[in-house]
Amino acid sequence: MADDRDEIQSEDAPVKLDRPGLIGSDAPKLITAAAIGAAVGAAVSHFLEGQLTLRSGDEPPIRIKGGSIHCEILSDSVHWEDDGNPQNWKLSGDRVRRSDDLIVIVGIAEANGDTHSKTYVTSRMRVHYAENSFIQFTVHKHQTKVLAHDKLNHNSKDKRLLRLERGIDSIRLKDHGQVYESADGHLDYVLILDECGGLRR
C-alpha cells in the first residue's frame, strides 16, 4: 500500500472513503495568532488547562489520547456523526475549516519524566494501532474526514467521543513520516487544530 494515498485500498479493508459534505461547528478557533514554537506550546498548555477561550466560527479542536484510542471533540456544541458506516465519521453542524491543512501538535512524556511537544502542518494523519491498520484524518473541501479500518465505538452518553480498544503503535503524517512510536515514550496527547497563525507546511 502506497503511503501517499488518502484512501484505504480494498485489499487493506472493506472501507470506502466517502467525501460528501459534512462538518462544522458553532465552535472554535483555538489559536488566532500564535507564533511558531514557544507561543504555540504555551497556548496548548493553557487550552489543556481550560484557560483558553474558544471563539465561534471554525471547526473545534480534536484531541486524541492513548491507552485505548480516544478521539474527542473539544466542544460542547459539536459531536461525531457516522458518514455512511461506523468506519467513516464527520463532525456535526454546517461550519467548515478555514484551512485544508491539519495543524497537529504531538505531546510526548518520556520515561524520565520529561515532556515535550512538536507542531506539524500536514494534509493527512494516520494513527496506527496494528501493522496495516490505522485511523486516518484528512481534510477535503475544508471538511474533516475520519476513516478507520475497524468500527469505532460511539459513546452514547458523550457523542463527542469515538473510541477504539487498541493501543497506539505510531503516528505518521504525510510529508513528515513517523512522528511518534510507542517505544519513544508515553503519548500524552495529540491535538488537531483548524488553524494556527504563522504556521506553514
Protein backbone atom coordinates (compact mmCIF):
# COMPACT_ATOMS: atom_id res chain seq x y z
CA MET A 1 0.00 0.00 0.00
CA ALA A 2 1.48 3.32 -1.03
CA ASP A 3 1.65 5.61 1.96
CA ASP A 4 0.87 8.76 -0.04
CA ARG A 5 -2.72 7.71 -0.88
CA ASP A 6 -5.61 9.21 1.05
CA GLU A 7 -7.83 6.17 0.53
CA ILE A 8 -7.63 2.86 2.33
CA GLN A 9 -7.41 0.41 -0.53
CA SER A 10 -9.75 -2.54 -0.88
CA GLU A 11 -7.01 -5.06 -0.13
CA ASP A 12 -6.47 -3.38 3.24
CA ALA A 13 -10.07 -3.29 4.45
CA PRO A 14 -13.60 -3.22 3.04
CA VAL A 15 -13.94 0.53 3.57
CA LYS A 16 -14.61 3.42 1.23
CA LEU A 17 -13.51 6.98 1.84
CA ASP A 18 -16.76 8.80 1.27
CA ARG A 19 -16.19 12.51 0.63
CA PRO A 20 -19.58 14.27 0.69
CA GLY A 21 -20.19 17.44 2.61
CA LEU A 22 -20.01 17.43 6.37
CA ILE A 23 -18.76 19.16 9.35
CA GLY A 24 -18.70 22.26 11.11
CA SER A 25 -19.43 23.76 14.46
CA ASP A 26 -20.53 26.68 16.40
CA ALA A 27 -17.25 26.26 17.99
CA PRO A 28 -13.92 27.45 17.90
CA LYS A 29 -10.76 28.75 16.59
CA LEU A 30 -8.23 27.58 19.15
CA ILE A 31 -5.39 29.96 18.43
CA THR A 32 -5.92 33.07 16.35
CA ALA A 33 -2.45 34.50 16.18
CA ALA A 34 0.12 32.20 17.72
CA ALA A 35 3.76 32.30 16.81
CA ILE A 36 5.66 29.12 15.96
CA GLY A 37 7.39 27.33 18.81
CA ALA A 38 7.04 28.51 22.38
CA ALA A 39 3.90 30.55 21.81
CA VAL A 40 2.14 27.54 20.31
CA GLY A 41 3.22 25.35 23.21
CA ALA A 42 2.03 27.94 25.73
CA ALA A 43 -1.34 28.25 24.03
CA VAL A 44 -1.78 24.48 24.03
CA SER A 45 -0.91 24.31 27.73
CA HIS A 46 -3.49 26.98 28.53
CA PHE A 47 -6.05 25.17 26.41
CA LEU A 48 -5.48 21.83 28.11
CA GLU A 49 -5.82 23.56 31.47
CA GLY A 50 -9.12 25.05 30.37
CA GLN A 51 -7.83 28.62 30.38
CA LEU A 52 -8.06 29.46 26.69
CA THR A 53 -11.36 30.84 25.44
CA LEU A 54 -12.53 29.37 22.15
CA ARG A 55 -14.27 31.57 19.62
CA SER A 56 -17.14 30.61 17.34
CA GLY A 57 -16.88 30.30 13.58
CA ASP A 58 -14.44 27.48 12.96
CA GLU A 59 -14.12 23.74 13.43
CA PRO A 60 -13.33 22.77 17.02
CA PRO A 61 -10.09 21.04 18.04
CA ILE A 62 -9.90 17.26 18.25
CA ARG A 63 -7.85 15.59 20.99
CA ILE A 64 -6.50 12.04 20.68
CA LYS A 65 -5.32 10.10 23.71
CA GLY A 66 -3.64 6.74 24.01
CA GLY A 67 -4.31 3.73 26.22
CA SER A 68 -7.37 2.76 24.32
CA ILE A 69 -7.65 5.27 21.47
CA HIS A 70 -9.94 8.18 22.31
CA CYS A 71 -10.80 10.79 19.65
CA GLU A 72 -12.59 13.62 21.45
CA ILE A 73 -14.06 16.83 20.03
CA LEU A 74 -13.23 19.67 22.41
CA SER A 75 -16.54 21.49 22.11
CA ASP A 76 -19.93 21.03 23.76
CA SER A 77 -21.83 22.15 20.65
CA VAL A 78 -20.40 19.64 18.13
CA HIS A 79 -20.44 15.83 18.05
CA TRP A 80 -19.40 12.94 15.84
CA GLU A 81 -21.77 11.62 13.18
CA ASP A 82 -21.19 8.49 11.13
CA ASP A 83 -20.55 9.24 7.46
CA GLY A 84 -22.30 6.20 6.00
CA ASN A 85 -20.97 3.47 8.31
CA PRO A 86 -19.18 3.04 11.67
CA GLN A 87 -15.76 3.24 9.97
CA ASN A 88 -16.33 6.69 8.45
CA TRP A 89 -17.02 9.76 10.59
CA LYS A 90 -17.56 13.50 10.34
CA LEU A 91 -18.39 16.38 12.64
CA SER A 92 -21.95 17.61 13.07
CA GLY A 93 -23.10 21.06 12.01
CA ASP A 94 -22.68 23.22 8.95
CA ARG A 95 -19.49 25.18 9.58
CA VAL A 96 -16.20 24.32 7.93
CA ARG A 97 -12.46 24.63 8.48
CA ARG A 98 -10.54 27.71 7.40
CA SER A 99 -7.73 25.54 6.05
CA ASP A 100 -7.38 22.28 4.16
CA ASP A 101 -4.32 21.55 6.29
CA LEU A 102 -4.35 19.92 9.71
CA ILE A 103 -2.33 21.58 12.47
CA VAL A 104 -1.13 18.59 14.53
CA ILE A 105 0.53 19.01 17.92
CA VAL A 106 2.06 15.85 19.38
CA GLY A 107 2.87 15.82 23.10
CA ILE A 108 5.13 13.06 24.43
CA ALA A 109 6.07 12.19 28.02
CA GLU A 110 9.41 10.38 28.15
CA ALA A 111 10.32 7.61 30.58
CA ASN A 112 12.49 10.01 32.64
CA GLY A 113 9.53 12.31 33.22
CA ASP A 114 10.49 14.95 30.66
CA THR A 115 7.72 16.13 28.37
CA HIS A 116 7.90 17.85 25.02
CA SER A 117 5.66 18.68 22.09
CA LYS A 118 6.13 19.39 18.41
CA THR A 119 3.83 21.09 15.91
CA TYR A 120 3.32 19.97 12.31
CA VAL A 121 1.26 21.09 9.33
CA THR A 122 0.01 18.20 7.19
CA SER A 123 -2.78 17.13 4.87
CA ARG A 124 -3.10 13.65 6.41
CA MET A 125 -2.53 11.97 9.77
CA ARG A 126 -2.66 8.24 10.42
CA VAL A 127 -2.86 6.78 13.93
CA HIS A 128 -1.56 3.21 13.56
CA TYR A 129 -2.69 0.57 16.06
CA ALA A 130 -1.54 -2.51 14.11
CA GLU A 131 0.87 -3.17 11.25
CA ASN A 132 -1.54 -2.31 8.45
CA SER A 133 -4.45 -0.81 10.40
CA PHE A 134 -4.96 2.83 11.28
CA ILE A 135 -7.40 5.67 11.85
CA GLN A 136 -6.93 8.36 9.21
CA PHE A 137 -7.67 12.08 9.48
CA THR A 138 -7.81 14.15 6.28
CA VAL A 139 -9.45 17.34 5.05
CA HIS A 140 -11.49 17.56 1.86
CA LYS A 141 -13.01 20.88 0.77
CA HIS A 142 -12.42 22.33 4.25
CA GLN A 143 -14.13 19.43 5.95
CA THR A 144 -12.51 16.86 8.24
CA LYS A 145 -12.93 13.19 7.35
CA VAL A 146 -12.17 10.29 9.69
CA LEU A 147 -11.68 6.84 8.18
CA ALA A 148 -10.81 3.67 10.10
CA HIS A 149 -10.04 0.07 9.25
CA ASP A 150 -12.19 -1.08 12.16
CA LYS A 151 -15.52 0.02 13.58
CA LEU A 152 -15.13 2.92 16.00
CA ASN A 153 -17.29 2.93 19.12
CA HIS A 154 -19.50 5.99 19.52
CA ASN A 155 -20.15 6.89 23.14
CA SER A 156 -23.93 7.17 23.59
CA LYS A 157 -23.55 9.30 26.74
CA ASP A 158 -20.98 11.64 25.22
CA LYS A 159 -21.25 11.84 21.44
CA ARG A 160 -18.10 13.96 21.26
CA LEU A 161 -16.07 10.77 21.79
CA LEU A 162 -15.02 8.00 19.40
CA ARG A 163 -13.18 5.05 20.92
CA LEU A 164 -11.21 2.01 19.79
CA GLU A 165 -9.95 -0.52 22.35
CA ARG A 166 -6.46 -0.70 20.88
CA GLY A 167 -3.18 0.93 21.84
CA ILE A 168 -1.41 3.41 19.57
CA ASP A 169 1.68 1.94 17.90
CA SER A 170 2.71 5.00 15.90
CA ILE A 171 1.56 8.26 14.34
CA ARG A 172 2.52 9.10 10.77
CA LEU A 173 1.99 12.35 8.90
CA LYS A 174 2.11 12.94 5.18
CA ASP A 175 5.29 14.89 4.28
CA HIS A 176 6.75 14.27 7.77
CA GLY A 177 6.74 10.48 8.11
CA GLN A 178 6.60 8.85 11.53
CA VAL A 179 6.40 11.44 14.32
CA TYR A 180 5.65 9.08 17.22
CA GLU A 181 6.30 5.43 18.04
CA SER A 182 5.27 3.70 21.26
CA ALA A 183 8.92 2.96 22.03
CA ASP A 184 9.64 6.73 22.06
CA GLY A 185 7.76 7.32 25.31
CA HIS A 186 4.19 7.79 26.53
CA LEU A 187 1.88 9.68 24.19
CA ASP A 188 0.45 12.46 26.33
CA TYR A 189 -1.88 13.90 23.69
CA VAL A 190 -2.37 14.76 20.04
CA LEU A 191 -4.30 17.91 19.13
CA ILE A 192 -5.72 18.53 15.67
CA LEU A 193 -6.42 22.23 15.16
CA ASP A 194 -8.21 24.20 12.50
CA GLU A 195 -5.73 27.00 12.01
CA CYS A 196 -2.75 28.41 13.82
CA GLY A 197 -1.42 31.79 12.69
CA GLY A 198 2.04 31.79 11.14
CA LEU A 199 2.34 28.04 10.56
CA ARG A 200 3.03 26.73 7.06
CA ARG A 201 3.60 23.24 5.72
